[in-house]
Amino acid sequence: KAMPGIVDVVTFKNNVAVVGKSTWQVSKARKVLKVEYEKEQ
């Protein structure tokens, strides 16, 4: 969220969406996300 051009980071269902003003800014911000998963099936 602190990265330039990022508007929001949204979690819905099993997705974490990085939303921003350009594809490049979104792609860079996605790389610093920290998502922890657990086994479901």
Full PDB file with SEQRES, HELIX, SHEET, SSBOND, CRYST1, ORIGX, SCALE, CONECT and MASTER records, all heavy atoms in Angstrom:
SEQRES   1 A   41  LYS ALA MET PRO GLY ILE VAL ASP VAL VAL THR PHE LYS          
SEQRES   2 A   41  ASN ASN VAL ALA VAL VAL GLY LYS SER THR TRP GLN VAL          
SEQRES   3 A   41  SER LYS ALA ARG LYS VAL LEU LYS VAL GLU TYR GLU LYS          
SEQRES   4 A   41  GLU GLN                                                      
HELIX    1 AA1 THR A   23  ARG A   30  1                                   8    
SHEET    1 AA1 2 ILE A   6  PHE A  12  0                                        
SHEET    2 AA1 2 ASN A  15  GLY A  20 -1                                        
CRYST1    1.000    1.000    1.000  90.00  90.00  90.00 P 1           1          
ORIGX1      1.000000  0.000000  0.000000        0.00000                         
ORIGX2      0.000000  1.000000  0.000000        0.00000                         
ORIGX3      0.000000  0.000000  1.000000        0.00000                         
SCALE1      1.000000  0.000000  0.000000        0.00000                         
SCALE2      0.000000  1.000000  0.000000        0.00000                         
SCALE3      0.000000  0.000000  1.000000        0.00000                         
ATOM      1  N   LYS A   1       0.816  -1.217   0.000  1.00  0.00           N  
ATOM      2  CA  LYS A   1       0.000   0.000   0.000  1.00  0.00           C  
ATOM      3  C   LYS A   1       0.848   1.264   0.000  1.00  0.00           C  
ATOM      4  O   LYS A   1       0.407   2.321  -0.471  1.00  0.00           O  
ATOM      5  CB  LYS A   1      -0.927   0.006   1.216  1.00  0.00           C  
ATOM      6  CG  LYS A   1      -2.073  -0.993   1.135  1.00  0.00           C  
ATOM      7  CD  LYS A   1      -2.979  -0.887   2.353  1.00  0.00           C  
ATOM      8  CE  LYS A   1      -4.170  -1.814   2.243  1.00  0.00           C  
ATOM      9  NZ  LYS A   1      -5.077  -1.717   3.413  1.00  0.00           N  
ATOM     10  N   ALA A   2       2.068   1.165   0.492  1.00  0.00           N  
ATOM     11  CA  ALA A   2       2.953   2.336   0.559  1.00  0.00           C  
ATOM     12  C   ALA A   2       3.663   2.609  -0.757  1.00  0.00           C  
ATOM     13  O   ALA A   2       4.318   3.654  -0.901  1.00  0.00           O  
ATOM     14  CB  ALA A   2       3.981   2.134   1.667  1.00  0.00           C  
ATOM     15  N   MET A   3       3.532   1.712  -1.710  1.00  0.00           N  
ATOM     16  CA  MET A   3       4.228   1.871  -2.997  1.00  0.00           C  
ATOM     17  C   MET A   3       3.564   2.969  -3.824  1.00  0.00           C  
ATOM     18  O   MET A   3       2.352   3.200  -3.717  1.00  0.00           O  
ATOM     19  CB  MET A   3       4.215   0.558  -3.768  1.00  0.00           C  
ATOM     20  CG  MET A   3       4.933  -0.595  -3.065  1.00  0.00           C  
ATOM     21  SD  MET A   3       6.713  -0.545  -3.254  1.00  0.00           S  
ATOM     22  CE  MET A   3       6.905  -1.146  -4.921  1.00  0.00           C  
ATOM     23  N   PRO A   4       4.341   3.663  -4.683  1.00  0.00           N  
ATOM     24  CA  PRO A   4       3.780   4.733  -5.525  1.00  0.00           C  
ATOM     25  C   PRO A   4       2.675   4.211  -6.442  1.00  0.00           C  
ATOM     26  O   PRO A   4       2.795   3.135  -7.021  1.00  0.00           O  
ATOM     27  CB  PRO A   4       4.993   5.196  -6.347  1.00  0.00           C  
ATOM     28  CG  PRO A   4       6.182   4.776  -5.552  1.00  0.00           C  
ATOM     29  CD  PRO A   4       5.798   3.506  -4.861  1.00  0.00           C  
ATOM     30  N   GLY A   5       1.595   4.991  -6.556  1.00  0.00           N  
ATOM     31  CA  GLY A   5       0.521   4.680  -7.492  1.00  0.00           C  
ATOM     32  C   GLY A   5      -0.474   3.657  -7.010  1.00  0.00           C  
ATOM     33  O   GLY A   5      -1.456   3.370  -7.708  1.00  0.00           O  
ATOM     34  N   ILE A   6      -0.283   3.084  -5.830  1.00  0.00           N  
ATOM     35  CA  ILE A   6      -1.192   2.052  -5.342  1.00  0.00           C  
ATOM     36  C   ILE A   6      -2.389   2.704  -4.656  1.00  0.00           C  
ATOM     37  O   ILE A   6      -2.249   3.543  -3.762  1.00  0.00           O  
ATOM     38  CB  ILE A   6      -0.474   1.081  -4.385  1.00  0.00           C  
ATOM     39  CG1 ILE A   6       0.677   0.399  -5.115  1.00  0.00           C  
ATOM     40  CG2 ILE A   6      -1.443   0.051  -3.824  1.00  0.00           C  
ATOM     41  CD1 ILE A   6       0.291  -0.299  -6.411  1.00  0.00           C  
ATOM     42  N   VAL A   7      -3.577   2.303  -5.067  1.00  0.00           N  
ATOM     43  CA  VAL A   7      -4.816   2.861  -4.539  1.00  0.00           C  
ATOM     44  C   VAL A   7      -5.337   2.038  -3.368  1.00  0.00           C  
ATOM     45  O   VAL A   7      -5.811   2.580  -2.373  1.00  0.00           O  
ATOM     46  CB  VAL A   7      -5.885   2.938  -5.654  1.00  0.00           C  
ATOM     47  CG1 VAL A   7      -7.236   3.387  -5.085  1.00  0.00           C  
ATOM     48  CG2 VAL A   7      -5.431   3.874  -6.763  1.00  0.00           C  
ATOM     49  N   ASP A   8      -5.231   0.709  -3.474  1.00  0.00           N  
ATOM     50  CA  ASP A   8      -5.754  -0.140  -2.406  1.00  0.00           C  
ATOM     51  C   ASP A   8      -5.246  -1.566  -2.591  1.00  0.00           C  
ATOM     52  O   ASP A   8      -4.794  -1.948  -3.681  1.00  0.00           O  
ATOM     53  CB  ASP A   8      -7.291  -0.134  -2.425  1.00  0.00           C  
ATOM     54  CG  ASP A   8      -7.903  -0.505  -1.072  1.00  0.00           C  
ATOM     55  OD1 ASP A   8      -7.135  -0.877  -0.152  1.00  0.00           O  
ATOM     56  OD2 ASP A   8      -9.129  -0.423  -0.943  1.00  0.00           O  
ATOM     57  N   VAL A   9      -5.307  -2.339  -1.532  1.00  0.00           N  
ATOM     58  CA  VAL A   9      -5.087  -3.784  -1.576  1.00  0.00           C  
ATOM     59  C   VAL A   9      -6.309  -4.416  -0.944  1.00  0.00           C  
ATOM     60  O   VAL A   9      -6.665  -4.104   0.196  1.00  0.00           O  
ATOM     61  CB  VAL A   9      -3.809  -4.207  -0.823  1.00  0.00           C  
ATOM     62  CG1 VAL A   9      -3.683  -5.732  -0.821  1.00  0.00           C  
ATOM     63  CG2 VAL A   9      -2.583  -3.578  -1.479  1.00  0.00           C  
ATOM     64  N   VAL A  10      -6.974  -5.288  -1.693  1.00  0.00           N  
ATOM     65  CA  VAL A  10      -8.271  -5.819  -1.284  1.00  0.00           C  
ATOM     66  C   VAL A  10      -8.209  -7.338  -1.215  1.00  0.00           C  
ATOM     67  O   VAL A  10      -7.739  -7.994  -2.158  1.00  0.00           O  
ATOM     68  CB  VAL A  10      -9.375  -5.395  -2.276  1.00  0.00           C  
ATOM     69  CG1 VAL A  10     -10.719  -5.980  -1.856  1.00  0.00           C  
ATOM     70  CG2 VAL A  10      -9.460  -3.878  -2.366  1.00  0.00           C  
ATOM     71  N   THR A  11      -8.692  -7.900  -0.127  1.00  0.00           N  
ATOM     72  CA  THR A  11      -8.811  -9.352  -0.004  1.00  0.00           C  
ATOM     73  C   THR A  11     -10.276  -9.742  -0.156  1.00  0.00           C  
ATOM     74  O   THR A  11     -11.138  -9.208   0.539  1.00  0.00           O  
ATOM     75  CB  THR A  11      -8.289  -9.835   1.363  1.00  0.00           C  
ATOM     76  OG1 THR A  11      -6.921  -9.459   1.504  1.00  0.00           O  
ATOM     77  CG2 THR A  11      -8.401 -11.350   1.478  1.00  0.00           C  
ATOM     78  N   PHE A  12     -10.547 -10.629  -1.088  1.00  0.00           N  
ATOM     79  CA  PHE A  12     -11.908 -11.131  -1.257  1.00  0.00           C  
ATOM     80  C   PHE A  12     -11.843 -12.590  -1.691  1.00  0.00           C  
ATOM     81  O   PHE A  12     -11.042 -12.980  -2.509  1.00  0.00           O  
ATOM     82  CB  PHE A  12     -12.715 -10.287  -2.252  1.00  0.00           C  
ATOM     83  CG  PHE A  12     -12.194 -10.270  -3.658  1.00  0.00           C  
ATOM     84  CD1 PHE A  12     -12.801 -11.022  -4.658  1.00  0.00           C  
ATOM     85  CD2 PHE A  12     -11.092  -9.483  -4.009  1.00  0.00           C  
ATOM     86  CE1 PHE A  12     -12.335 -10.996  -5.968  1.00  0.00           C  
ATOM     87  CE2 PHE A  12     -10.617  -9.443  -5.307  1.00  0.00           C  
ATOM     88  CZ  PHE A  12     -11.242 -10.213  -6.295  1.00  0.00           C  
ATOM     89  N   LYS A  13     -12.697 -13.380  -1.055  1.00  0.00           N  
ATOM     90  CA  LYS A  13     -12.681 -14.823  -1.270  1.00  0.00           C  
ATOM     91  C   LYS A  13     -11.266 -15.339  -1.040  1.00  0.00           C  
ATOM     92  O   LYS A  13     -10.692 -15.132   0.016  1.00  0.00           O  
ATOM     93  CB  LYS A  13     -13.245 -15.171  -2.639  1.00  0.00           C  
ATOM     94  CG  LYS A  13     -14.742 -14.871  -2.738  1.00  0.00           C  
ATOM     95  CD  LYS A  13     -15.356 -15.216  -4.064  1.00  0.00           C  
ATOM     96  CE  LYS A  13     -16.858 -14.891  -4.029  1.00  0.00           C  
ATOM     97  NZ  LYS A  13     -17.457 -14.931  -5.360  1.00  0.00           N  
ATOM     98  N   ASN A  14     -10.686 -15.976  -2.046  1.00  0.00           N  
ATOM     99  CA  ASN A  14      -9.328 -16.503  -1.869  1.00  0.00           C  
ATOM    100  C   ASN A  14      -8.322 -15.672  -2.660  1.00  0.00           C  
ATOM    101  O   ASN A  14      -7.262 -16.180  -3.052  1.00  0.00           O  
ATOM    102  CB  ASN A  14      -9.278 -17.967  -2.319  1.00  0.00           C  
ATOM    103  CG  ASN A  14      -8.416 -18.827  -1.411  1.00  0.00           C  
ATOM    104  OD1 ASN A  14      -8.073 -18.431  -0.299  1.00  0.00           O  
ATOM    105  ND2 ASN A  14      -8.048 -19.994  -1.886  1.00  0.00           N  
ATOM    106  N   ASN A  15      -8.650 -14.403  -2.882  1.00  0.00           N  
ATOM    107  CA  ASN A  15      -7.847 -13.519  -3.716  1.00  0.00           C  
ATOM    108  C   ASN A  15      -7.345 -12.317  -2.924  1.00  0.00           C  
ATOM    109  O   ASN A  15      -8.046 -11.798  -2.055  1.00  0.00           O  
ATOM    110  CB  ASN A  15      -8.667 -13.007  -4.906  1.00  0.00           C  
ATOM    111  CG  ASN A  15      -9.214 -14.132  -5.751  1.00  0.00           C  
ATOM    112  OD1 ASN A  15      -8.503 -15.082  -6.054  1.00  0.00           O  
ATOM    113  ND2 ASN A  15     -10.478 -14.031  -6.137  1.00  0.00           N  
ATOM    114  N   VAL A  16      -6.160 -11.869  -3.280  1.00  0.00           N  
ATOM    115  CA  VAL A  16      -5.637 -10.612  -2.761  1.00  0.00           C  
ATOM    116  C   VAL A  16      -5.320  -9.735  -3.962  1.00  0.00           C  
ATOM    117  O   VAL A  16      -4.413 -10.037  -4.747  1.00  0.00           O  
ATOM    118  CB  VAL A  16      -4.375 -10.817  -1.904  1.00  0.00           C  
ATOM    119  CG1 VAL A  16      -3.902  -9.477  -1.342  1.00  0.00           C  
ATOM    120  CG2 VAL A  16      -4.639 -11.807  -0.782  1.00  0.00           C  
ATOM    121  N   ALA A  17      -6.084  -8.654  -4.151  1.00  0.00           N  
ATOM    122  CA  ALA A  17      -5.955  -7.793  -5.325  1.00  0.00           C  
ATOM    123  C   ALA A  17      -5.188  -6.525  -4.988  1.00  0.00           C  
ATOM    124  O   ALA A  17      -5.489  -5.848  -3.998  1.00  0.00           O  
ATOM    125  CB  ALA A  17      -7.330  -7.432  -5.868  1.00  0.00           C  
ATOM    126  N   VAL A  18      -4.197  -6.219  -5.816  1.00  0.00           N  
ATOM    127  CA  VAL A  18      -3.459  -4.962  -5.703  1.00  0.00           C  
ATOM    128  C   VAL A  18      -3.997  -4.034  -6.782  1.00  0.00           C  
ATOM    129  O   VAL A  18      -3.962  -4.365  -7.971  1.00  0.00           O  
ATOM    130  CB  VAL A  18      -1.951  -5.188  -5.884  1.00  0.00           C  
ATOM    131  CG1 VAL A  18      -1.199  -3.866  -5.743  1.00  0.00           C  
ATOM    132  CG2 VAL A  18      -1.436  -6.206  -4.880  1.00  0.00           C  
ATOM    133  N   VAL A  19      -4.511  -2.879  -6.374  1.00  0.00           N  
ATOM    134  CA  VAL A  19      -5.161  -1.943  -7.287  1.00  0.00           C  
ATOM    135  C   VAL A  19      -4.340  -0.662  -7.366  1.00  0.00           C  
ATOM    136  O   VAL A  19      -3.933  -0.105  -6.332  1.00  0.00           O  
ATOM    137  CB  VAL A  19      -6.590  -1.614  -6.815  1.00  0.00           C  
ATOM    138  CG1 VAL A  19      -7.293  -0.715  -7.824  1.00  0.00           C  
ATOM    139  CG2 VAL A  19      -7.389  -2.889  -6.571  1.00  0.00           C  
ATOM    140  N   GLY A  20      -4.096  -0.200  -8.596  1.00  0.00           N  
ATOM    141  CA  GLY A  20      -3.301   1.009  -8.746  1.00  0.00           C  
ATOM    142  C   GLY A  20      -3.558   1.721 -10.052  1.00  0.00           C  
ATOM    143  O   GLY A  20      -4.489   1.395 -10.790  1.00  0.00           O  
ATOM    144  N   LYS A  21      -2.665   2.688 -10.336  1.00  0.00           N  
ATOM    145  CA  LYS A  21      -2.875   3.572 -11.480  1.00  0.00           C  
ATOM    146  C   LYS A  21      -2.190   3.103 -12.745  1.00  0.00           C  
ATOM    147  O   LYS A  21      -2.416   3.658 -13.817  1.00  0.00           O  
ATOM    148  CB  LYS A  21      -2.412   4.986 -11.119  1.00  0.00           C  
ATOM    149  CG  LYS A  21      -3.228   5.600  -9.976  1.00  0.00           C  
ATOM    150  CD  LYS A  21      -2.737   6.997  -9.622  1.00  0.00           C  
ATOM    151  CE  LYS A  21      -3.566   7.594  -8.486  1.00  0.00           C  
ATOM    152  NZ  LYS A  21      -3.085   8.948  -8.083  1.00  0.00           N  
ATOM    153  N   SER A  22      -1.319   2.102 -12.645  1.00  0.00           N  
ATOM    154  CA  SER A  22      -0.685   1.552 -13.847  1.00  0.00           C  
ATOM    155  C   SER A  22      -0.334   0.093 -13.603  1.00  0.00           C  
ATOM    156  O   SER A  22      -0.169  -0.342 -12.456  1.00  0.00           O  
ATOM    157  CB  SER A  22       0.587   2.329 -14.205  1.00  0.00           C  
ATOM    158  OG  SER A  22       1.648   2.006 -13.316  1.00  0.00           O  
ATOM    159  N   THR A  23      -0.196  -0.656 -14.670  1.00  0.00           N  
ATOM    160  CA  THR A  23       0.148  -2.073 -14.571  1.00  0.00           C  
ATOM    161  C   THR A  23       1.511  -2.247 -13.921  1.00  0.00           C  
ATOM    162  O   THR A  23       1.708  -3.147 -13.090  1.00  0.00           O  
ATOM    163  CB  THR A  23       0.156  -2.707 -15.975  1.00  0.00           C  
ATOM    164  OG1 THR A  23      -1.102  -2.481 -16.601  1.00  0.00           O  
ATOM    165  CG2 THR A  23       0.401  -4.202 -15.902  1.00  0.00           C  
ATOM    166  N   TRP A  24       2.473  -1.399 -14.278  1.00  0.00           N  
ATOM    167  CA  TRP A  24       3.832  -1.519 -13.746  1.00  0.00           C  
ATOM    168  C   TRP A  24       3.845  -1.276 -12.235  1.00  0.00           C  
ATOM    169  O   TRP A  24       4.486  -2.024 -11.481  1.00  0.00           O  
ATOM    170  CB  TRP A  24       4.745  -0.535 -14.464  1.00  0.00           C  
ATOM    171  CG  TRP A  24       6.160  -0.527 -13.957  1.00  0.00           C  
ATOM    172  CD1 TRP A  24       6.806   0.498 -13.341  1.00  0.00           C  
ATOM    173  CD2 TRP A  24       7.093  -1.612 -14.013  1.00  0.00           C  
ATOM    174  NE1 TRP A  24       8.089   0.141 -13.015  1.00  0.00           N  
ATOM    175  CE2 TRP A  24       8.298  -1.151 -13.419  1.00  0.00           C  
ATOM    176  CE3 TRP A  24       7.041  -2.909 -14.510  1.00  0.00           C  
ATOM    177  CZ2 TRP A  24       9.426  -1.952 -13.298  1.00  0.00           C  
ATOM    178  CZ3 TRP A  24       8.166  -3.717 -14.399  1.00  0.00           C  
ATOM    179  CH2 TRP A  24       9.354  -3.235 -13.795  1.00  0.00           C  
ATOM    180  N   GLN A  25       3.125  -0.249 -11.781  1.00  0.00           N  
ATOM    181  CA  GLN A  25       3.084   0.042 -10.349  1.00  0.00           C  
ATOM    182  C   GLN A  25       2.423  -1.099  -9.565  1.00  0.00           C  
ATOM    183  O   GLN A  25       2.887  -1.490  -8.489  1.00  0.00           O  
ATOM    184  CB  GLN A  25       2.341   1.357 -10.109  1.00  0.00           C  
ATOM    185  CG  GLN A  25       3.106   2.582 -10.595  1.00  0.00           C  
ATOM    186  CD  GLN A  25       2.274   3.847 -10.541  1.00  0.00           C  
ATOM    187  OE1 GLN A  25       1.067   3.825 -10.799  1.00  0.00           O  
ATOM    188  NE2 GLN A  25       2.904   4.972 -10.204  1.00  0.00           N  
ATOM    189  N   VAL A  26       1.369  -1.634 -10.130  1.00  0.00           N  
ATOM    190  CA  VAL A  26       0.667  -2.747  -9.487  1.00  0.00           C  
ATOM    191  C   VAL A  26       1.557  -3.985  -9.421  1.00  0.00           C  
ATOM    192  O   VAL A  26       1.620  -4.677  -8.398  1.00  0.00           O  
ATOM    193  CB  VAL A  26      -0.641  -3.055 -10.254  1.00  0.00           C  
ATOM    194  CG1 VAL A  26      -1.211  -4.405  -9.840  1.00  0.00           C  
ATOM    195  CG2 VAL A  26      -1.670  -1.953 -10.016  1.00  0.00           C  
ATOM    196  N   SER A  27       2.265  -4.253 -10.506  1.00  0.00           N  
ATOM    197  CA  SER A  27       3.138  -5.426 -10.559  1.00  0.00           C  
ATOM    198  C   SER A  27       4.254  -5.334  -9.516  1.00  0.00           C  
ATOM    199  O   SER A  27       4.575  -6.321  -8.837  1.00  0.00           O  
ATOM    200  CB  SER A  27       3.729  -5.564 -11.964  1.00  0.00           C  
ATOM    201  OG  SER A  27       4.557  -6.693 -12.056  1.00  0.00           O  
ATOM    202  N   LYS A  28       4.844  -4.167  -9.377  1.00  0.00           N  
ATOM    203  CA  LYS A  28       5.918  -3.984  -8.392  1.00  0.00           C  
ATOM    204  C   LYS A  28       5.391  -4.135  -6.963  1.00  0.00           C  
ATOM    205  O   LYS A  28       6.023  -4.763  -6.106  1.00  0.00           O  
ATOM    206  CB  LYS A  28       6.566  -2.613  -8.569  1.00  0.00           C  
ATOM    207  CG  LYS A  28       7.401  -2.472  -9.845  1.00  0.00           C  
ATOM    208  CD  LYS A  28       8.000  -1.086  -9.975  1.00  0.00           C  
ATOM    209  CE  LYS A  28       9.058  -0.823  -8.914  1.00  0.00           C  
ATOM    210  NZ  LYS A  28       9.689   0.503  -9.077  1.00  0.00           N  
ATOM    211  N   ALA A  29       4.223  -3.566  -6.699  1.00  0.00           N  
ATOM    212  CA  ALA A  29       3.657  -3.634  -5.350  1.00  0.00           C  
ATOM    213  C   ALA A  29       3.254  -5.059  -4.987  1.00  0.00           C  
ATOM    214  O   ALA A  29       3.381  -5.479  -3.827  1.00  0.00           O  
ATOM    215  CB  ALA A  29       2.452  -2.700  -5.247  1.00  0.00           C  
ATOM    216  N   ARG A  30       2.802  -5.803  -5.964  1.00  0.00           N  
ATOM    217  CA  ARG A  30       2.388  -7.189  -5.708  1.00  0.00           C  
ATOM    218  C   ARG A  30       3.554  -8.025  -5.167  1.00  0.00           C  
ATOM    219  O   ARG A  30       3.354  -8.925  -4.342  1.00  0.00           O  
ATOM    220  CB  ARG A  30       1.828  -7.811  -6.988  1.00  0.00           C  
ATOM    221  CG  ARG A  30       1.385  -9.255  -6.851  1.00  0.00           C  
ATOM    222  CD  ARG A  30       0.911  -9.800  -8.180  1.00  0.00           C  
ATOM    223  NE  ARG A  30       0.621 -11.210  -8.122  1.00  0.00           N  
ATOM    224  CZ  ARG A  30       0.289 -11.936  -9.179  1.00  0.00           C  
ATOM    225  NH1 ARG A  30       0.199 -11.365 -10.388  1.00  0.00           N  
ATOM    226  NH2 ARG A  30       0.051 -13.226  -9.055  1.00  0.00           N  
ATOM    227  N   LYS A  31       4.765  -7.712  -5.601  1.00  0.00           N  
ATOM    228  CA  LYS A  31       5.937  -8.497  -5.203  1.00  0.00           C  
ATOM    229  C   LYS A  31       6.277  -8.338  -3.724  1.00  0.00           C  
ATOM    230  O   LYS A  31       6.978  -9.181  -3.162  1.00  0.00           O  
ATOM    231  CB  LYS A  31       7.134  -8.109  -6.069  1.00  0.00           C  
ATOM    232  CG  LYS A  31       6.985  -8.513  -7.528  1.00  0.00           C  
ATOM    233  CD  LYS A  31       8.154  -8.039  -8.371  1.00  0.00           C  
ATOM    234  CE  LYS A  31       7.971  -8.421  -9.837  1.00  0.00           C  
ATOM    235  NZ  LYS A  31       9.083  -7.919 -10.695  1.00  0.00           N  
ATOM    236  N   VAL A  32       5.785  -7.278  -3.092  1.00  0.00           N  
ATOM    237  CA  VAL A  32       6.114  -7.079  -1.672  1.00  0.00           C  
ATOM    238  C   VAL A  32       4.958  -7.486  -0.754  1.00  0.00           C  
ATOM    239  O   VAL A  32       5.023  -7.287   0.455  1.00  0.00           O  
ATOM    240  CB  VAL A  32       6.530  -5.620  -1.391  1.00  0.00           C  
ATOM    241  CG1 VAL A  32       7.743  -5.250  -2.230  1.00  0.00           C  
ATOM    242  CG2 VAL A  32       5.373  -4.650  -1.634  1.00  0.00           C  
ATOM    243  N   LEU A  33       3.883  -8.037  -1.348  1.00  0.00           N  
ATOM    244  CA  LEU A  33       2.799  -8.562  -0.530  1.00  0.00           C  
ATOM    245  C   LEU A  33       3.305  -9.712   0.337  1.00  0.00           C  
ATOM    246  O   LEU A  33       4.143 -10.509  -0.094  1.00  0.00           O  
ATOM    247  CB  LEU A  33       1.665  -9.104  -1.415  1.00  0.00           C  
ATOM    248  CG  LEU A  33       0.576  -8.161  -1.914  1.00  0.00           C  
ATOM    249  CD1 LEU A  33      -0.374  -8.935  -2.819  1.00  0.00           C  
ATOM    250  CD2 LEU A  33      -0.186  -7.522  -0.766  1.00  0.00           C  
ATOM    251  N   LYS A  34       2.774  -9.823   1.543  1.00  0.00           N  
ATOM    252  CA  LYS A  34       3.086 -10.953   2.410  1.00  0.00           C  
ATOM    253  C   LYS A  34       1.779 -11.681   2.720  1.00  0.00           C  
ATOM    254  O   LYS A  34       0.962 -11.211   3.502  1.00  0.00           O  
ATOM    255  CB  LYS A  34       3.755 -10.477   3.695  1.00  0.00           C  
ATOM    256  CG  LYS A  34       5.114  -9.823   3.460  1.00  0.00           C  
ATOM    257  CD  LYS A  34       5.729  -9.309   4.764  1.00  0.00           C  
ATOM    258  CE  LYS A  34       7.066  -8.626   4.507  1.00  0.00           C  
ATOM    259  NZ  LYS A  34       7.655  -8.084   5.770  1.00  0.00           N  
ATOM    260  N   VAL A  35       1.599 -12.811   2.033  1.00  0.00           N  
ATOM    261  CA  VAL A  35       0.367 -13.581   2.186  1.00  0.00           C  
ATOM    262  C   VAL A  35       0.714 -14.951   2.758  1.00  0.00           C  
ATOM    263  O   VAL A  35       1.574 -15.653   2.233  1.00  0.00           O  
ATOM    264  CB  VAL A  35      -0.375 -13.750   0.845  1.00  0.00           C  
ATOM    265  CG1 VAL A  35      -1.707 -14.463   1.070  1.00  0.00           C  
ATOM    266  CG2 VAL A  35      -0.600 -12.400   0.179  1.00  0.00           C  
ATOM    267  N   GLU A  36       0.045 -15.329   3.822  1.00  0.00           N  
ATOM    268  CA  GLU A  36       0.237 -16.646   4.433  1.00  0.00           C  
ATOM    269  C   GLU A  36      -0.976 -17.513   4.110  1.00  0.00           C  
ATOM    270  O   GLU A  36      -2.120 -17.058   4.186  1.00  0.00           O  
ATOM    271  CB  GLU A  36       0.397 -16.510   5.950  1.00  0.00           C  
ATOM    272  CG  GLU A  36       0.724 -17.827   6.639  1.00  0.00           C  
ATOM    273  CD  GLU A  36       0.868 -17.678   8.148  1.00  0.00           C  
ATOM    274  OE1 GLU A  36       0.744 -16.539   8.652  1.00  0.00           O  
ATOM    275  OE2 GLU A  36       1.088 -18.709   8.812  1.00  0.00           O  
ATOM    276  N   TYR A  37      -0.715 -18.760   3.716  1.00  0.00           N  
ATOM    277  CA  TYR A  37      -1.787 -19.673   3.334  1.00  0.00           C  
ATOM    278  C   TYR A  37      -1.846 -20.863   4.288  1.00  0.00           C  
ATOM    279  O   TYR A  37      -0.869 -21.188   4.966  1.00  0.00           O  
ATOM    280  CB  TYR A  37      -1.579 -20.182   1.906  1.00  0.00           C  
ATOM    281  CG  TYR A  37      -1.653 -19.099   0.857  1.00  0.00           C  
ATOM    282  CD1 TYR A  37      -0.491 -18.485   0.373  1.00  0.00           C  
ATOM    283  CD2 TYR A  37      -2.875 -18.678   0.354  1.00  0.00           C  
ATOM    284  CE1 TYR A  37      -0.560 -17.488  -0.588  1.00  0.00           C  
ATOM    285  CE2 TYR A  37      -2.948 -17.683  -0.608  1.00  0.00           C  
ATOM    286  CZ  TYR A  37      -1.787 -17.086  -1.080  1.00  0.00           C  
ATOM    287  OH  TYR A  37      -1.860 -16.109  -2.022  1.00  0.00           O  
ATOM    288  N   GLU A  38      -3.002 -21.516   4.291  1.00  0.00           N  
ATOM    289  CA  GLU A  38      -3.162 -22.745   5.055  1.00  0.00           C  
ATOM    290  C   GLU A  38      -3.889 -23.785   4.201  1.00  0.00           C  
ATOM    291  O   GLU A  38      -4.615 -23.442   3.264  1.00  0.00           O  
ATOM    292  CB  GLU A  38      -3.933 -22.488   6.349  1.00  0.00           C  
ATOM    293  CG  GLU A  38      -5.330 -21.931   6.149  1.00  0.00           C  
ATOM    294  CD  GLU A  38      -5.989 -21.576   7.470  1.00  0.00           C  
ATOM    295  OE1 GLU A  38      -5.441 -21.947   8.515  1.00  0.00           O  
ATOM    296  OE2 GLU A  38      -7.052 -20.927   7.458  1.00  0.00           O  
ATOM    297  N   LYS A  39      -3.699 -25.036   4.559  1.00  0.00           N  
ATOM    298  CA  LYS A  39      -4.262 -26.140   3.787  1.00  0.00           C  
ATOM    299  C   LYS A  39      -5.772 -26.222   3.971  1.00  0.00           C  
ATOM    300  O   LYS A  39      -6.284 -26.118   5.081  1.00  0.00           O  
ATOM    301  CB  LYS A  39      -3.608 -27.455   4.223  1.00  0.00           C  
ATOM    302  CG  LYS A  39      -4.060 -28.672   3.449  1.00  0.00           C  
ATOM    303  CD  LYS A  39      -3.305 -29.913   3.924  1.00  0.00           C  
ATOM    304  CE  LYS A  39      -3.816 -31.171   3.242  1.00  0.00           C  
ATOM    305  NZ  LYS A  39      -3.087 -32.383   3.700  1.00  0.00           N  
ATOM    306  N   GLU A  40      -6.466 -26.397   2.854  1.00  0.00           N  
ATOM    307  CA  GLU A  40      -7.921 -26.514   2.879  1.00  0.00           C  
ATOM    308  C   GLU A  40      -8.380 -27.868   2.341  1.00  0.00           C  
ATOM    309  O   GLU A  40      -9.356 -28.441   2.810  1.00  0.00           O  
ATOM    310  CB  GLU A  40      -8.541 -25.385   2.044  1.00  0.00           C  
ATOM    311  CG  GLU A  40     -10.044 -25.341   2.068  1.00  0.00           C  
ATOM    312  CD  GLU A  40     -10.598 -24.155   1.282  1.00  0.00           C  
ATOM    313  OE1 GLU A  40      -9.989 -23.804   0.251  1.00  0.00           O  
ATOM    314  OE2 GLU A  40     -11.615 -23.591   1.708  1.00  0.00           O  
ATOM    315  N   GLN A  41      -7.679 -28.384   1.317  1.00  0.00           N  
ATOM    316  CA  GLN A  41      -7.975 -29.686   0.732  1.00  0.00           C  
ATOM    317  C   GLN A  41      -6.657 -30.428   0.533  1.00  0.00           C  
ATOM    318  O   GLN A  41      -5.577 -29.885   0.769  1.00  0.00           O  
ATOM    319  CB  GLN A  41      -8.687 -29.527  -0.620  1.00  0.00           C  
ATOM    320  CG  GLN A  41     -10.017 -28.805  -0.554  1.00  0.00           C  
ATOM    321  CD  GLN A  41     -10.656 -28.701  -1.932  1.00  0.00           C  
ATOM    322  OE1 GLN A  41     -10.879 -29.691  -2.608  1.00  0.00           O  
ATOM    323  NE2 GLN A  41     -10.937 -27.479  -2.356  1.00  0.00           N  
TER     324      GLN A  41                                                      
MASTER        0    0    0    1    2    0    0    6  323    1    0    4          
END                                                                             
